PDB file of N, CA and C in Angstrom:
ATOM      1  N   MET A   1       1.182  -1.407  -0.086  1.00  0.00           N
ATOM      2  CA  MET A   1      -0.016  -0.269   0.049  1.00  0.00           C
ATOM      3  C   MET A   1       0.985   1.386   0.134  1.00  0.00           C
ATOM      4  N   ASN A   2       0.400   2.028  -0.863  1.00  0.00           N
ATOM      5  CA  ASN A   2       1.275   3.863  -0.481  1.00  0.00           C
ATOM      6  C   ASN A   2       1.154   4.150   0.928  1.00  0.00           C
ATOM      7  N   ASN A   3       2.486   4.454   0.925  1.00  0.00           N
ATOM      8  CA  ASN A   3       2.826   5.013   2.454  1.00  0.00           C
ATOM      9  C   ASN A   3       1.758   6.449   2.644  1.00  0.00           C
ATOM     10  N   LEU A   4       1.460   7.225   1.228  1.00  0.00           N
ATOM     11  CA  LEU A   4       0.610   8.606   1.181  1.00  0.00           C
ATOM     12  C   LEU A   4      -0.617   8.161   1.344  1.00  0.00           C
ATOM     13  N   PHE A   5      -1.298   7.185   0.592  1.00  0.00           N
ATOM     14  CA  PHE A   5      -2.317   6.596   1.168  1.00  0.00           C
ATOM     15  C   PHE A   5      -2.743   6.292   2.628  1.00  0.00           C
ATOM     16  N   ARG A   6      -1.916   5.443   2.774  1.00  0.00           N
ATOM     17  CA  ARG A   6      -2.139   4.538   4.328  1.00  0.00           C
ATOM     18  C   ARG A   6      -2.009   5.753   5.400  1.00  0.00           C
ATOM     19  N   GLY A   7      -1.043   6.809   5.020  1.00  0.00           N
ATOM     20  CA  GLY A   7      -1.478   7.939   6.331  1.00  0.00           C
ATOM     21  C   GLY A   7      -2.615   8.889   6.018  1.00  0.00           C
ATOM     22  N   LEU A   8      -2.924   8.997   4.724  1.00  0.00           N
ATOM     23  CA  LEU A   8      -4.013   9.452   4.654  1.00  0.00           C
ATOM     24  C   LEU A   8      -5.103   8.872   5.399  1.00  0.00           C
ATOM     25  N   LEU A   9      -5.719   7.204   5.141  1.00  0.00           N
ATOM     26  CA  LEU A   9      -6.452   6.647   5.429  1.00  0.00           C
ATOM     27  C   LEU A   9      -6.424   6.840   7.298  1.00  0.00           C
ATOM     28  N   ALA A  10      -4.992   6.044   7.709  1.00  0.00           N
ATOM     29  CA  ALA A  10      -4.765   6.104   9.544  1.00  0.00           C
ATOM     30  C   ALA A  10      -5.204   8.107  10.088  1.00  0.00           C
ATOM     31  N   GLY A  11      -4.909   8.442   9.643  1.00  0.00           N
ATOM     32  CA  GLY A  11      -5.103   9.703  10.056  1.00  0.00           C
ATOM     33  C   GLY A  11      -6.378  10.642  10.086  1.00  0.00           C
ATOM     34  N   TYR A  12      -7.566  10.032   8.854  1.00  0.00           N
ATOM     35  CA  TYR A  12      -8.832  10.179   8.733  1.00  0.00           C
ATOM     36  C   TYR A  12      -9.482   9.122   9.645  1.00  0.00           C
ATOM     37  N   GLY A  13      -9.037   8.390   9.825  1.00  0.00           N
ATOM     38  CA  GLY A  13      -9.628   6.858  11.067  1.00  0.00           C
ATOM     39  C   GLY A  13      -9.033   7.572  12.316  1.00  0.00           C
ATOM     40  N   ALA A  14      -7.656   7.874  12.738  1.00  0.00           N
ATOM     41  CA  ALA A  14      -7.581   8.695  14.037  1.00  0.00           C
ATOM     42  C   ALA A  14      -8.356  10.366  14.056  1.00  0.00           C
ATOM     43  N   LYS A  15      -8.665  10.746  12.915  1.00  0.00           N
ATOM     44  CA  LYS A  15      -9.505  11.745  13.697  1.00  0.00           C
ATOM     45  C   LYS A  15     -11.085  11.745  14.210  1.00  0.00           C
ATOM     46  N   LYS A  16     -11.332  10.798  13.150  1.00  0.00           N
ATOM     47  CA  LYS A  16     -12.948  10.402  13.767  1.00  0.00           C
ATOM     48  C   LYS A  16     -12.681   9.821  14.609  1.00  0.00           C
ATOM     49  N   LEU A  17     -12.255   8.821  15.444  1.00  0.00           N
ATOM     50  CA  LEU A  17     -12.139   8.194  16.580  1.00  0.00           C
ATOM     51  C   LEU A  17     -11.578   9.013  17.837  1.00  0.00           C
ATOM     52  N   GLY A  18     -10.199   9.014  17.260  1.00  0.00           N
ATOM     53  CA  GLY A  18      -9.735   9.794  18.347  1.00  0.00           C
ATOM     54  C   GLY A  18     -10.870  10.791  19.316  1.00  0.00           C
ATOM     55  N   GLY A  19     -10.361  11.529  20.564  1.00  0.00           N
ATOM     56  CA  GLY A  19     -11.036  11.951  21.382  1.00  0.00           C
ATOM     57  C   GLY A  19     -10.346  13.172  21.549  1.00  0.00           C
ATOM     58  N   GLY A  20      -9.200  12.582  22.128  1.00  0.00           N
ATOM     59  CA  GLY A  20      -7.768  13.763  22.889  1.00  0.00           C
ATOM     60  C   GLY A  20      -6.581  13.798  22.127  1.00  0.00           C
ATOM     61  N   CYS A  21      -5.966  14.573  22.628  1.00  0.00           N
ATOM     62  CA  CYS A  21      -4.551  14.232  21.932  1.00  0.00           C
ATOM     63  C   CYS A  21      -3.761  12.523  21.457  1.00  0.00           C
ATOM     64  N   PHE A  22      -3.922  12.175  23.059  1.00  0.00           N
ATOM     65  CA  PHE A  22      -3.317  11.223  23.034  1.00  0.00           C
ATOM     66  C   PHE A  22      -3.865   9.621  22.230  1.00  0.00           C
ATOM     67  N   SER A  23      -5.054  10.163  22.241  1.00  0.00           N
ATOM     68  CA  SER A  23      -5.764   8.519  21.378  1.00  0.00           C
ATOM     69  C   SER A  23      -5.877   8.761  20.260  1.00  0.00           C
ATOM     70  N   THR A  24      -5.959  10.242  20.039  1.00  0.00           N
ATOM     71  CA  THR A  24      -5.522   9.946  18.339  1.00  0.00           C
ATOM     72  C   THR A  24      -4.402   9.546  17.816  1.00  0.00           C
ATOM     73  N   VAL A  25      -3.015   9.942  18.352  1.00  0.00           N
ATOM     74  CA  VAL A  25      -2.271   9.718  18.417  1.00  0.00           C
ATOM     75  C   VAL A  25      -1.911   8.039  18.200  1.00  0.00           C
ATOM     76  N   LEU A  26      -2.376   7.636  19.549  1.00  0.00           N
ATOM     77  CA  LEU A  26      -2.622   6.155  19.754  1.00  0.00           C
ATOM     78  C   LEU A  26      -3.204   5.500  18.432  1.00  0.00           C
ATOM     79  N   ILE A  27      -4.270   5.974  17.948  1.00  0.00           N
ATOM     80  CA  ILE A  27      -5.287   5.355  17.260  1.00  0.00           C
ATOM     81  C   ILE A  27      -4.142   5.540  15.644  1.00  0.00           C
ATOM     82  N   PHE A  28      -3.493   6.635  15.741  1.00  0.00           N
ATOM     83  CA  PHE A  28      -3.034   6.311  14.337  1.00  0.00           C
ATOM     84  C   PHE A  28      -1.853   5.218  14.561  1.00  0.00           C
ATOM     85  N   ILE A  29      -1.388   5.511  14.894  1.00  0.00           N
ATOM     86  CA  ILE A  29      -0.030   3.933  15.048  1.00  0.00           C
ATOM     87  C   ILE A  29      -0.815   3.150  14.866  1.00  0.00           C
ATOM     88  N   ILE A  30      -2.109   2.256  15.615  1.00  0.00           N
ATOM     89  CA  ILE A  30      -2.472   1.128  15.074  1.00  0.00           C
ATOM     90  C   ILE A  30      -3.167   1.421  14.003  1.00  0.00           C
ATOM     91  N   LEU A  31      -3.644   2.173  13.273  1.00  0.00           N
ATOM     92  CA  LEU A  31      -4.267   2.216  12.137  1.00  0.00           C
ATOM     93  C   LEU A  31      -2.904   1.828  11.292  1.00  0.00           C
ATOM     94  N   TRP A  32      -1.936   2.912  11.366  1.00  0.00           N
ATOM     95  CA  TRP A  32      -0.745   2.742  10.692  1.00  0.00           C
ATOM     96  C   TRP A  32       0.086   1.362  10.346  1.00  0.00           C
ATOM     97  N   TYR A  33       0.042   0.582  11.220  1.00  0.00           N
ATOM     98  CA  TYR A  33       0.404  -0.594  11.194  1.00  0.00           C
ATOM     99  C   TYR A  33      -0.575  -1.609  10.899  1.00  0.00           C
ATOM    100  N   VAL A  34      -1.688  -1.172  11.360  1.00  0.00           N
ATOM    101  CA  VAL A  34      -2.401  -2.798  10.526  1.00  0.00           C
ATOM    102  C   VAL A  34      -2.737  -2.689   9.081  1.00  0.00           C
ATOM    103  N   LEU A  35      -2.905  -1.626   8.140  1.00  0.00           N
ATOM    104  CA  LEU A  35      -2.729  -1.107   7.212  1.00  0.00           C
ATOM    105  C   LEU A  35      -1.512  -1.277   6.735  1.00  0.00           C
ATOM    106  N   GLY A  36      -0.297  -1.329   7.154  1.00  0.00           N
ATOM    107  CA  GLY A  36       0.973  -1.877   6.674  1.00  0.00           C
ATOM    108  C   GLY A  36       0.400  -3.330   6.708  1.00  0.00           C
ATOM    109  N   GLN A  37      -0.041  -4.640   7.708  1.00  0.00           N
ATOM    110  CA  GLN A  37       0.018  -5.413   7.614  1.00  0.00           C
ATOM    111  C   GLN A  37      -0.851  -6.338   6.392  1.00  0.00           C
ATOM    112  N   CYS A  38      -1.378  -5.202   5.818  1.00  0.00           N
ATOM    113  CA  CYS A  38      -3.031  -5.585   4.874  1.00  0.00           C
ATOM    114  C   CYS A  38      -2.080  -5.269   3.255  1.00  0.00           C
ATOM    115  N   GLN A  39      -0.893  -5.549   3.580  1.00  0.00           N
ATOM    116  CA  GLN A  39      -1.012  -5.414   1.761  1.00  0.00           C
ATOM    117  C   GLN A  39      -1.712  -5.916   0.609  1.00  0.00           C
TER     118      GLN A  39
END
């Protein structure tokens, strides 16, 4: 998966699901990892 597309998807998901600063960063990292596994 393209890193730019992967980053955009992870960022969008983190923005929608995250409530605060820390949770948004945590969700971004989790989504980045999961999207990296789904090649």
